[in-house]
mmCIF file of all heavy atoms, coordinates in Angstrom:
data_MODEL
# 
_entry.id   MODEL 
# 
loop_
_atom_site.group_PDB 
_atom_site.id 
_atom_site.type_symbol 
_atom_site.label_atom_id 
_atom_site.label_alt_id 
_atom_site.label_comp_id 
_atom_site.label_asym_id 
_atom_site.label_entity_id 
_atom_site.label_seq_id 
_atom_site.pdbx_PDB_ins_code 
_atom_site.Cartn_x 
_atom_site.Cartn_y 
_atom_site.Cartn_z 
_atom_site.occupancy 
_atom_site.B_iso_or_equiv 
_atom_site.pdbx_formal_charge 
_atom_site.auth_seq_id 
_atom_site.auth_comp_id 
_atom_site.auth_asym_id 
_atom_site.auth_atom_id 
_atom_site.pdbx_PDB_model_num 
ATOM 1   N N   . ASP A 1 1  ? 17.701  0.436   21.146  1.00 0.00 ? 1  ASP A N   1 
ATOM 2   C CA  . ASP A 1 1  ? 17.160  0.967   22.348  1.00 0.00 ? 1  ASP A CA  1 
ATOM 3   C C   . ASP A 1 1  ? 16.413  2.295   22.111  1.00 0.00 ? 1  ASP A C   1 
ATOM 4   O O   . ASP A 1 1  ? 15.878  2.837   23.060  1.00 0.00 ? 1  ASP A O   1 
ATOM 5   C CB  . ASP A 1 1  ? 18.309  1.302   23.383  1.00 0.00 ? 1  ASP A CB  1 
ATOM 6   C CG  . ASP A 1 1  ? 18.920  -0.012  23.841  1.00 0.00 ? 1  ASP A CG  1 
ATOM 7   O OD1 . ASP A 1 1  ? 18.167  -1.052  23.919  1.00 0.00 ? 1  ASP A OD1 1 
ATOM 8   O OD2 . ASP A 1 1  ? 20.114  0.012   24.191  1.00 0.00 ? 1  ASP A OD2 1 
ATOM 9   N N   . TYR A 1 2  ? 16.342  2.818   20.863  1.00 0.00 ? 2  TYR A N   1 
ATOM 10  C CA  . TYR A 1 2  ? 15.671  4.029   20.582  1.00 0.00 ? 2  TYR A CA  1 
ATOM 11  C C   . TYR A 1 2  ? 14.164  3.746   20.511  1.00 0.00 ? 2  TYR A C   1 
ATOM 12  O O   . TYR A 1 2  ? 13.668  2.583   20.551  1.00 0.00 ? 2  TYR A O   1 
ATOM 13  C CB  . TYR A 1 2  ? 16.183  4.542   19.252  1.00 0.00 ? 2  TYR A CB  1 
ATOM 14  C CG  . TYR A 1 2  ? 17.515  5.278   19.478  1.00 0.00 ? 2  TYR A CG  1 
ATOM 15  C CD1 . TYR A 1 2  ? 18.615  4.635   19.906  1.00 0.00 ? 2  TYR A CD1 1 
ATOM 16  C CD2 . TYR A 1 2  ? 17.637  6.702   19.152  1.00 0.00 ? 2  TYR A CD2 1 
ATOM 17  C CE1 . TYR A 1 2  ? 19.837  5.274   20.110  1.00 0.00 ? 2  TYR A CE1 1 
ATOM 18  C CE2 . TYR A 1 2  ? 18.756  7.313   19.309  1.00 0.00 ? 2  TYR A CE2 1 
ATOM 19  C CZ  . TYR A 1 2  ? 19.931  6.656   19.783  1.00 0.00 ? 2  TYR A CZ  1 
ATOM 20  O OH  . TYR A 1 2  ? 21.088  7.351   19.992  1.00 0.00 ? 2  TYR A OH  1 
ATOM 21  N N   . ARG A 1 3  ? 13.386  4.834   20.450  1.00 0.00 ? 3  ARG A N   1 
ATOM 22  C CA  . ARG A 1 3  ? 11.913  4.751   20.582  1.00 0.00 ? 3  ARG A CA  1 
ATOM 23  C C   . ARG A 1 3  ? 11.208  5.405   19.378  1.00 0.00 ? 3  ARG A C   1 
ATOM 24  O O   . ARG A 1 3  ? 11.735  6.322   18.752  1.00 0.00 ? 3  ARG A O   1 
ATOM 25  C CB  . ARG A 1 3  ? 11.419  5.482   21.814  1.00 0.00 ? 3  ARG A CB  1 
ATOM 26  C CG  . ARG A 1 3  ? 11.875  4.928   23.163  1.00 0.00 ? 3  ARG A CG  1 
ATOM 27  C CD  . ARG A 1 3  ? 11.329  5.588   24.271  1.00 0.00 ? 3  ARG A CD  1 
ATOM 28  N NE  . ARG A 1 3  ? 11.626  5.156   25.610  1.00 0.00 ? 3  ARG A NE  1 
ATOM 29  C CZ  . ARG A 1 3  ? 11.144  5.483   26.754  1.00 0.00 ? 3  ARG A CZ  1 
ATOM 30  N NH1 . ARG A 1 3  ? 10.237  6.466   26.749  1.00 0.00 ? 3  ARG A NH1 1 
ATOM 31  N NH2 . ARG A 1 3  ? 11.559  4.977   27.937  1.00 0.00 ? 3  ARG A NH2 1 
ATOM 32  N N   . ALA A 1 4  ? 9.966   4.971   19.183  1.00 0.00 ? 4  ALA A N   1 
ATOM 33  C CA  . ALA A 1 4  ? 9.114   5.551   18.193  1.00 0.00 ? 4  ALA A CA  1 
ATOM 34  C C   . ALA A 1 4  ? 7.688   5.552   18.771  1.00 0.00 ? 4  ALA A C   1 
ATOM 35  O O   . ALA A 1 4  ? 6.800   4.721   18.414  1.00 0.00 ? 4  ALA A O   1 
ATOM 36  C CB  . ALA A 1 4  ? 9.122   4.941   16.825  1.00 0.00 ? 4  ALA A CB  1 
ATOM 37  N N   . SER A 1 5  ? 7.405   6.422   19.741  1.00 0.00 ? 5  SER A N   1 
ATOM 38  C CA  . SER A 1 5  ? 6.195   6.379   20.569  1.00 0.00 ? 5  SER A CA  1 
ATOM 39  C C   . SER A 1 5  ? 4.998   7.080   20.036  1.00 0.00 ? 5  SER A C   1 
ATOM 40  O O   . SER A 1 5  ? 3.940   6.873   20.454  1.00 0.00 ? 5  SER A O   1 
ATOM 41  C CB  . SER A 1 5  ? 6.537   6.834   21.982  1.00 0.00 ? 5  SER A CB  1 
ATOM 42  O OG  . SER A 1 5  ? 7.024   8.150   21.975  1.00 0.00 ? 5  SER A OG  1 
ATOM 43  N N   . LEU A 1 6  ? 5.286   8.057   19.063  1.00 0.00 ? 6  LEU A N   1 
ATOM 44  C CA  . LEU A 1 6  ? 4.112   8.830   18.621  1.00 0.00 ? 6  LEU A CA  1 
ATOM 45  C C   . LEU A 1 6  ? 3.353   8.110   17.481  1.00 0.00 ? 6  LEU A C   1 
ATOM 46  O O   . LEU A 1 6  ? 3.961   7.369   16.642  1.00 0.00 ? 6  LEU A O   1 
ATOM 47  C CB  . LEU A 1 6  ? 4.627   10.128  18.012  1.00 0.00 ? 6  LEU A CB  1 
ATOM 48  C CG  . LEU A 1 6  ? 5.141   11.178  19.046  1.00 0.00 ? 6  LEU A CG  1 
ATOM 49  C CD1 . LEU A 1 6  ? 5.813   12.370  18.367  1.00 0.00 ? 6  LEU A CD1 1 
ATOM 50  C CD2 . LEU A 1 6  ? 4.073   11.631  19.974  1.00 0.00 ? 6  LEU A CD2 1 
ATOM 51  N N   . ALA A 1 7  ? 2.057   8.273   17.526  1.00 0.00 ? 7  ALA A N   1 
ATOM 52  C CA  . ALA A 1 7  ? 1.197   7.656   16.527  1.00 0.00 ? 7  ALA A CA  1 
ATOM 53  C C   . ALA A 1 7  ? 1.512   8.216   15.122  1.00 0.00 ? 7  ALA A C   1 
ATOM 54  O O   . ALA A 1 7  ? 1.707   9.391   14.968  1.00 0.00 ? 7  ALA A O   1 
ATOM 55  C CB  . ALA A 1 7  ? -0.322  7.950   16.810  1.00 0.00 ? 7  ALA A CB  1 
ATOM 56  N N   . PRO A 1 8  ? 1.650   7.338   14.166  1.00 0.00 ? 8  PRO A N   1 
ATOM 57  C CA  . PRO A 1 8  ? 1.984   7.754   12.794  1.00 0.00 ? 8  PRO A CA  1 
ATOM 58  C C   . PRO A 1 8  ? 1.008   8.722   12.230  1.00 0.00 ? 8  PRO A C   1 
ATOM 59  O O   . PRO A 1 8  ? -0.195  8.613   12.491  1.00 0.00 ? 8  PRO A O   1 
ATOM 60  C CB  . PRO A 1 8  ? 2.001   6.478   11.987  1.00 0.00 ? 8  PRO A CB  1 
ATOM 61  C CG  . PRO A 1 8  ? 2.243   5.394   12.949  1.00 0.00 ? 8  PRO A CG  1 
ATOM 62  C CD  . PRO A 1 8  ? 1.550   5.860   14.212  1.00 0.00 ? 8  PRO A CD  1 
ATOM 63  N N   . GLN A 1 9  ? 1.420   9.678   11.482  1.00 0.00 ? 9  GLN A N   1 
ATOM 64  C CA  . GLN A 1 9  ? 0.597   10.709  10.759  1.00 0.00 ? 9  GLN A CA  1 
ATOM 65  C C   . GLN A 1 9  ? 0.706   10.533  9.283   1.00 0.00 ? 9  GLN A C   1 
ATOM 66  O O   . GLN A 1 9  ? 1.573   9.835   8.725   1.00 0.00 ? 9  GLN A O   1 
ATOM 67  C CB  . GLN A 1 9  ? 1.097   12.107  11.119  1.00 0.00 ? 9  GLN A CB  1 
ATOM 68  C CG  . GLN A 1 9  ? 1.087   12.390  12.635  1.00 0.00 ? 9  GLN A CG  1 
ATOM 69  C CD  . GLN A 1 9  ? -0.258  12.614  13.254  1.00 0.00 ? 9  GLN A CD  1 
ATOM 70  O OE1 . GLN A 1 9  ? -0.930  13.678  12.892  1.00 0.00 ? 9  GLN A OE1 1 
ATOM 71  N NE2 . GLN A 1 9  ? -0.751  11.659  13.929  1.00 0.00 ? 9  GLN A NE2 1 
ATOM 72  N N   . LEU A 1 10 ? -0.214  11.092  8.520   1.00 0.00 ? 10 LEU A N   1 
ATOM 73  C CA  . LEU A 1 10 ? -0.240  11.120  7.056   1.00 0.00 ? 10 LEU A CA  1 
ATOM 74  C C   . LEU A 1 10 ? -0.197  9.701   6.538   1.00 0.00 ? 10 LEU A C   1 
ATOM 75  O O   . LEU A 1 10 ? 0.659   9.250   5.794   1.00 0.00 ? 10 LEU A O   1 
ATOM 76  C CB  . LEU A 1 10 ? 0.961   11.852  6.445   1.00 0.00 ? 10 LEU A CB  1 
ATOM 77  C CG  . LEU A 1 10 ? 1.142   13.364  6.926   1.00 0.00 ? 10 LEU A CG  1 
ATOM 78  C CD1 . LEU A 1 10 ? 2.324   13.938  6.337   1.00 0.00 ? 10 LEU A CD1 1 
ATOM 79  C CD2 . LEU A 1 10 ? -0.108  14.128  6.673   1.00 0.00 ? 10 LEU A CD2 1 
ATOM 80  N N   . ILE A 1 11 ? -1.178  8.854   7.034   1.00 0.00 ? 11 ILE A N   1 
ATOM 81  C CA  . ILE A 1 11 ? -1.197  7.464   6.695   1.00 0.00 ? 11 ILE A CA  1 
ATOM 82  C C   . ILE A 1 11 ? -1.401  7.215   5.214   1.00 0.00 ? 11 ILE A C   1 
ATOM 83  O O   . ILE A 1 11 ? -2.287  7.837   4.595   1.00 0.00 ? 11 ILE A O   1 
ATOM 84  C CB  . ILE A 1 11 ? -2.323  6.721   7.475   1.00 0.00 ? 11 ILE A CB  1 
ATOM 85  C CG1 . ILE A 1 11 ? -2.016  6.896   8.984   1.00 0.00 ? 11 ILE A CG1 1 
ATOM 86  C CG2 . ILE A 1 11 ? -2.330  5.303   7.072   1.00 0.00 ? 11 ILE A CG2 1 
ATOM 87  C CD1 . ILE A 1 11 ? -0.790  6.341   9.478   1.00 0.00 ? 11 ILE A CD1 1 
ATOM 88  N N   . THR A 1 12 ? -0.576  6.388   4.556   1.00 0.00 ? 12 THR A N   1 
ATOM 89  C CA  . THR A 1 12 ? -0.700  5.970   3.162   1.00 0.00 ? 12 THR A CA  1 
ATOM 90  C C   . THR A 1 12 ? -0.800  4.536   3.075   1.00 0.00 ? 12 THR A C   1 
ATOM 91  O O   . THR A 1 12 ? 0.096   3.784   3.463   1.00 0.00 ? 12 THR A O   1 
ATOM 92  C CB  . THR A 1 12 ? 0.584   6.537   2.372   1.00 0.00 ? 12 THR A CB  1 
ATOM 93  O OG1 . THR A 1 12 ? 0.661   7.913   2.493   1.00 0.00 ? 12 THR A OG1 1 
ATOM 94  C CG2 . THR A 1 12 ? 0.430   6.073   0.895   1.00 0.00 ? 12 THR A CG2 1 
ATOM 95  N N   . PRO A 1 13 ? -1.846  3.957   2.520   1.00 0.00 ? 13 PRO A N   1 
ATOM 96  C CA  . PRO A 1 13 ? -1.984  2.513   2.337   1.00 0.00 ? 13 PRO A CA  1 
ATOM 97  C C   . PRO A 1 13 ? -0.982  1.987   1.305   1.00 0.00 ? 13 PRO A C   1 
ATOM 98  O O   . PRO A 1 13 ? -0.668  2.676   0.350   1.00 0.00 ? 13 PRO A O   1 
ATOM 99  C CB  . PRO A 1 13 ? -3.432  2.297   1.855   1.00 0.00 ? 13 PRO A CB  1 
ATOM 100 C CG  . PRO A 1 13 ? -4.135  3.596   2.199   1.00 0.00 ? 13 PRO A CG  1 
ATOM 101 C CD  . PRO A 1 13 ? -3.074  4.706   2.085   1.00 0.00 ? 13 PRO A CD  1 
ATOM 102 N N   . TRP A 1 14 ? -0.590  0.714   1.582   1.00 0.00 ? 14 TRP A N   1 
ATOM 103 C CA  . TRP A 1 14 ? 0.338   0.063   0.609   1.00 0.00 ? 14 TRP A CA  1 
ATOM 104 C C   . TRP A 1 14 ? -0.534  -0.974  -0.197  1.00 0.00 ? 14 TRP A C   1 
ATOM 105 O O   . TRP A 1 14 ? -1.413  -1.660  0.290   1.00 0.00 ? 14 TRP A O   1 
ATOM 106 C CB  . TRP A 1 14 ? 1.432   -0.744  1.240   1.00 0.00 ? 14 TRP A CB  1 
ATOM 107 C CG  . TRP A 1 14 ? 2.437   0.094   1.998   1.00 0.00 ? 14 TRP A CG  1 
ATOM 108 C CD1 . TRP A 1 14 ? 2.483   1.450   2.144   1.00 0.00 ? 14 TRP A CD1 1 
ATOM 109 C CD2 . TRP A 1 14 ? 3.551   -0.384  2.775   1.00 0.00 ? 14 TRP A CD2 1 
ATOM 110 N NE1 . TRP A 1 14 ? 3.528   1.886   2.865   1.00 0.00 ? 14 TRP A NE1 1 
ATOM 111 C CE2 . TRP A 1 14 ? 4.216   0.766   3.311   1.00 0.00 ? 14 TRP A CE2 1 
ATOM 112 C CE3 . TRP A 1 14 ? 3.987   -1.579  3.076   1.00 0.00 ? 14 TRP A CE3 1 
ATOM 113 C CZ2 . TRP A 1 14 ? 5.320   0.672   4.055   1.00 0.00 ? 14 TRP A CZ2 1 
ATOM 114 C CZ3 . TRP A 1 14 ? 5.175   -1.769  3.863   1.00 0.00 ? 14 TRP A CZ3 1 
ATOM 115 C CH2 . TRP A 1 14 ? 5.847   -0.617  4.303   1.00 0.00 ? 14 TRP A CH2 1 
ATOM 116 N N   . SER A 1 15 ? -0.247  -1.033  -1.501  1.00 0.00 ? 15 SER A N   1 
ATOM 117 C CA  . SER A 1 15 ? -0.959  -1.903  -2.378  1.00 0.00 ? 15 SER A CA  1 
ATOM 118 C C   . SER A 1 15 ? -0.036  -2.703  -3.255  1.00 0.00 ? 15 SER A C   1 
ATOM 119 O O   . SER A 1 15 ? 1.110   -2.308  -3.545  1.00 0.00 ? 15 SER A O   1 
ATOM 120 C CB  . SER A 1 15 ? -1.968  -1.156  -3.219  1.00 0.00 ? 15 SER A CB  1 
ATOM 121 O OG  . SER A 1 15 ? -3.051  -0.557  -2.551  1.00 0.00 ? 15 SER A OG  1 
ATOM 122 N N   . ILE A 1 16 ? -0.417  -3.896  -3.623  1.00 0.00 ? 16 ILE A N   1 
ATOM 123 C CA  . ILE A 1 16 ? 0.267   -4.674  -4.608  1.00 0.00 ? 16 ILE A CA  1 
ATOM 124 C C   . ILE A 1 16 ? -0.031  -4.073  -5.990  1.00 0.00 ? 16 ILE A C   1 
ATOM 125 O O   . ILE A 1 16 ? -1.187  -3.741  -6.280  1.00 0.00 ? 16 ILE A O   1 
ATOM 126 C CB  . ILE A 1 16 ? -0.255  -6.125  -4.559  1.00 0.00 ? 16 ILE A CB  1 
ATOM 127 C CG1 . ILE A 1 16 ? 0.112   -6.795  -3.197  1.00 0.00 ? 16 ILE A CG1 1 
ATOM 128 C CG2 . ILE A 1 16 ? 0.360   -6.945  -5.736  1.00 0.00 ? 16 ILE A CG2 1 
ATOM 129 C CD1 . ILE A 1 16 ? -0.433  -8.096  -3.015  1.00 0.00 ? 16 ILE A CD1 1 
ATOM 130 N N   . ALA A 1 17 ? 1.034   -3.962  -6.813  1.00 0.00 ? 17 ALA A N   1 
ATOM 131 C CA  . ALA A 1 17 ? 0.842   -3.335  -8.117  1.00 0.00 ? 17 ALA A CA  1 
ATOM 132 C C   . ALA A 1 17 ? 0.855   -4.334  -9.242  1.00 0.00 ? 17 ALA A C   1 
ATOM 133 O O   . ALA A 1 17 ? 1.763   -5.271  -9.242  1.00 0.00 ? 17 ALA A O   1 
ATOM 134 C CB  . ALA A 1 17 ? 1.915   -2.254  -8.361  1.00 0.00 ? 17 ALA A CB  1 
ATOM 135 N N   . VAL A 1 18 ? 0.032   -4.150  -10.173 1.00 0.00 ? 18 VAL A N   1 
ATOM 136 C CA  . VAL A 1 18 ? 0.078   -4.903  -11.496 1.00 0.00 ? 18 VAL A CA  1 
ATOM 137 C C   . VAL A 1 18 ? 0.074   -3.899  -12.619 1.00 0.00 ? 18 VAL A C   1 
ATOM 138 O O   . VAL A 1 18 ? -0.129  -2.698  -12.399 1.00 0.00 ? 18 VAL A O   1 
ATOM 139 C CB  . VAL A 1 18 ? -1.127  -5.925  -11.624 1.00 0.00 ? 18 VAL A CB  1 
ATOM 140 C CG1 . VAL A 1 18 ? -0.985  -6.978  -10.485 1.00 0.00 ? 18 VAL A CG1 1 
ATOM 141 C CG2 . VAL A 1 18 ? -2.449  -5.209  -11.576 1.00 0.00 ? 18 VAL A CG2 1 
ATOM 142 N N   . THR A 1 19 ? 0.170   -4.353  -13.848 1.00 0.00 ? 19 THR A N   1 
ATOM 143 C CA  . THR A 1 19 ? 0.276   -3.390  -14.995 1.00 0.00 ? 19 THR A CA  1 
ATOM 144 C C   . THR A 1 19 ? -1.051  -2.651  -15.103 1.00 0.00 ? 19 THR A C   1 
ATOM 145 O O   . THR A 1 19 ? -2.091  -3.118  -14.741 1.00 0.00 ? 19 THR A O   1 
ATOM 146 C CB  . THR A 1 19 ? 0.589   -4.207  -16.265 1.00 0.00 ? 19 THR A CB  1 
ATOM 147 O OG1 . THR A 1 19 ? -0.498  -5.106  -16.527 1.00 0.00 ? 19 THR A OG1 1 
ATOM 148 C CG2 . THR A 1 19 ? 1.897   -4.834  -16.223 1.00 0.00 ? 19 THR A CG2 1 
ATOM 149 N N   . ALA A 1 20 ? -0.944  -1.432  -15.663 1.00 0.00 ? 20 ALA A N   1 
ATOM 150 C CA  . ALA A 1 20 ? -2.153  -0.560  -15.914 1.00 0.00 ? 20 ALA A CA  1 
ATOM 151 C C   . ALA A 1 20 ? -3.172  -1.269  -16.791 1.00 0.00 ? 20 ALA A C   1 
ATOM 152 O O   . ALA A 1 20 ? -4.301  -1.159  -16.541 1.00 0.00 ? 20 ALA A O   1 
ATOM 153 C CB  . ALA A 1 20 ? -1.704  0.699   -16.553 1.00 0.00 ? 20 ALA A CB  1 
ATOM 154 N N   . SER A 1 21 ? -2.756  -2.132  -17.747 1.00 0.00 ? 21 SER A N   1 
ATOM 155 C CA  . SER A 1 21 ? -3.631  -2.846  -18.688 1.00 0.00 ? 21 SER A CA  1 
ATOM 156 C C   . SER A 1 21 ? -4.345  -3.900  -17.958 1.00 0.00 ? 21 SER A C   1 
ATOM 157 O O   . SER A 1 21 ? -5.366  -4.473  -18.485 1.00 0.00 ? 21 SER A O   1 
ATOM 158 C CB  . SER A 1 21 ? -2.873  -3.390  -19.872 1.00 0.00 ? 21 SER A CB  1 
ATOM 159 O OG  . SER A 1 21 ? -1.876  -4.235  -19.450 1.00 0.00 ? 21 SER A OG  1 
ATOM 160 N N   . GLU A 1 22 ? -3.865  -4.345  -16.783 1.00 0.00 ? 22 GLU A N   1 
ATOM 161 C CA  . GLU A 1 22 ? -4.558  -5.489  -16.028 1.00 0.00 ? 22 GLU A CA  1 
ATOM 162 C C   . GLU A 1 22 ? -5.701  -4.985  -15.098 1.00 0.00 ? 22 GLU A C   1 
ATOM 163 O O   . GLU A 1 22 ? -6.307  -5.726  -14.412 1.00 0.00 ? 22 GLU A O   1 
ATOM 164 C CB  . GLU A 1 22 ? -3.478  -6.225  -15.221 1.00 0.00 ? 22 GLU A CB  1 
ATOM 165 C CG  . GLU A 1 22 ? -3.920  -7.444  -14.482 1.00 0.00 ? 22 GLU A CG  1 
ATOM 166 C CD  . GLU A 1 22 ? -4.461  -8.493  -15.411 1.00 0.00 ? 22 GLU A CD  1 
ATOM 167 O OE1 . GLU A 1 22 ? -4.080  -8.539  -16.608 1.00 0.00 ? 22 GLU A OE1 1 
ATOM 168 O OE2 . GLU A 1 22 ? -5.409  -9.227  -14.967 1.00 0.00 ? 22 GLU A OE2 1 
ATOM 169 N N   . ASN A 1 23 ? -5.958  -3.634  -15.154 1.00 0.00 ? 23 ASN A N   1 
ATOM 170 C CA  . ASN A 1 23 ? -7.023  -3.063  -14.275 1.00 0.00 ? 23 ASN A CA  1 
ATOM 171 C C   . ASN A 1 23 ? -8.360  -3.789  -14.540 1.00 0.00 ? 23 ASN A C   1 
ATOM 172 O O   . ASN A 1 23 ? -8.853  -3.690  -15.646 1.00 0.00 ? 23 ASN A O   1 
ATOM 173 C CB  . ASN A 1 23 ? -7.130  -1.565  -14.574 1.00 0.00 ? 23 ASN A CB  1 
ATOM 174 C CG  . ASN A 1 23 ? -8.020  -0.940  -13.552 1.00 0.00 ? 23 ASN A CG  1 
ATOM 175 O OD1 . ASN A 1 23 ? -8.393  -1.512  -12.505 1.00 0.00 ? 23 ASN A OD1 1 
ATOM 176 N ND2 . ASN A 1 23 ? -8.560  0.259   -13.901 1.00 0.00 ? 23 ASN A ND2 1 
ATOM 177 N N   . GLY A 1 24 ? -8.942  -4.397  -13.517 1.00 0.00 ? 24 GLY A N   1 
ATOM 178 C CA  . GLY A 1 24 ? -10.146 -5.105  -13.625 1.00 0.00 ? 24 GLY A CA  1 
ATOM 179 C C   . GLY A 1 24 ? -10.023 -6.522  -14.298 1.00 0.00 ? 24 GLY A C   1 
ATOM 180 O O   . GLY A 1 24 ? -11.033 -7.197  -14.400 1.00 0.00 ? 24 GLY A O   1 
ATOM 181 N N   . GLY A 1 25 ? -8.810  -6.904  -14.631 1.00 0.00 ? 25 GLY A N   1 
ATOM 182 C CA  . GLY A 1 25 ? -8.558  -8.239  -15.221 1.00 0.00 ? 25 GLY A CA  1 
ATOM 183 C C   . GLY A 1 25 ? -8.487  -9.311  -14.210 1.00 0.00 ? 25 GLY A C   1 
ATOM 184 O O   . GLY A 1 25 ? -8.726  -9.124  -12.962 1.00 0.00 ? 25 GLY A O   1 
ATOM 185 N N   . GLY A 1 26 ? -8.185  -10.495 -14.650 1.00 0.00 ? 26 GLY A N   1 
ATOM 186 C CA  . GLY A 1 26 ? -8.193  -11.695 -13.842 1.00 0.00 ? 26 GLY A CA  1 
ATOM 187 C C   . GLY A 1 26 ? -7.130  -11.646 -12.769 1.00 0.00 ? 26 GLY A C   1 
ATOM 188 O O   . GLY A 1 26 ? -7.424  -11.972 -11.532 1.00 0.00 ? 26 GLY A O   1 
ATOM 189 N N   . LEU A 1 27 ? -5.972  -11.117 -13.077 1.00 0.00 ? 27 LEU A N   1 
ATOM 190 C CA  . LEU A 1 27 ? -4.923  -11.099 -12.055 1.00 0.00 ? 27 LEU A CA  1 
ATOM 191 C C   . LEU A 1 27 ? -5.259  -10.036 -10.957 1.00 0.00 ? 27 LEU A C   1 
ATOM 192 O O   . LEU A 1 27 ? -5.016  -10.245 -9.749  1.00 0.00 ? 27 LEU A O   1 
ATOM 193 C CB  . LEU A 1 27 ? -3.591  -10.696 -12.707 1.00 0.00 ? 27 LEU A CB  1 
ATOM 194 C CG  . LEU A 1 27 ? -2.339  -10.756 -11.785 1.00 0.00 ? 27 LEU A CG  1 
ATOM 195 C CD1 . LEU A 1 27 ? -2.185  -12.139 -11.121 1.00 0.00 ? 27 LEU A CD1 1 
ATOM 196 C CD2 . LEU A 1 27 ? -1.090  -10.361 -12.523 1.00 0.00 ? 27 LEU A CD2 1 
ATOM 197 N N   . ASP A 1 28 ? -5.792  -8.813  -11.416 1.00 0.00 ? 28 ASP A N   1 
ATOM 198 C CA  . ASP A 1 28 ? -6.198  -7.796  -10.476 1.00 0.00 ? 28 ASP A CA  1 
ATOM 199 C C   . ASP A 1 28 ? -7.190  -8.374  -9.521  1.00 0.00 ? 28 ASP A C   1 
ATOM 200 O O   . ASP A 1 28 ? -7.095  -8.200  -8.250  1.00 0.00 ? 28 ASP A O   1 
ATOM 201 C CB  . ASP A 1 28 ? -6.826  -6.656  -11.273 1.00 0.00 ? 28 ASP A CB  1 
ATOM 202 C CG  . ASP A 1 28 ? -7.332  -5.484  -10.406 1.00 0.00 ? 28 ASP A CG  1 
ATOM 203 O OD1 . ASP A 1 28 ? -7.069  -5.528  -9.181  1.00 0.00 ? 28 ASP A OD1 1 
ATOM 204 O OD2 . ASP A 1 28 ? -7.995  -4.671  -10.922 1.00 0.00 ? 28 ASP A OD2 1 
ATOM 205 N N   . ARG A 1 29 ? -8.243  -9.140  -10.017 1.00 0.00 ? 29 ARG A N   1 
ATOM 206 C CA  . ARG A 1 29 ? -9.282  -9.657  -9.118  1.00 0.00 ? 29 ARG A CA  1 
ATOM 207 C C   . ARG A 1 29 ? -8.848  -10.788 -8.224  1.00 0.00 ? 29 ARG A C   1 
ATOM 208 O O   . ARG A 1 29 ? -9.142  -10.808 -7.014  1.00 0.00 ? 29 ARG A O   1 
ATOM 209 C CB  . ARG A 1 29 ? -10.452 -10.179 -10.054 1.00 0.00 ? 29 ARG A CB  1 
ATOM 210 C CG  . ARG A 1 29 ? -11.134 -9.072  -10.699 1.00 0.00 ? 29 ARG A CG  1 
ATOM 211 C CD  . ARG A 1 29 ? -12.492 -9.558  -11.360 1.00 0.00 ? 29 ARG A CD  1 
ATOM 212 N NE  . ARG A 1 29 ? -13.415 -10.142 -10.415 1.00 0.00 ? 29 ARG A NE  1 
ATOM 213 C CZ  . ARG A 1 29 ? -14.634 -10.340 -10.590 1.00 0.00 ? 29 ARG A CZ  1 
ATOM 214 N NH1 . ARG A 1 29 ? -15.199 -10.024 -11.827 1.00 0.00 ? 29 ARG A NH1 1 
ATOM 215 N NH2 . ARG A 1 29 ? -15.437 -10.836 -9.711  1.00 0.00 ? 29 ARG A NH2 1 
# 
């Protein structure tokens, strides 16, 4: 029954993570 009526602040996008070495690789794409 509680509320959360205020618009969120400090928005942070969520991303799927793969290994650093996969940057630009097939799985990343």
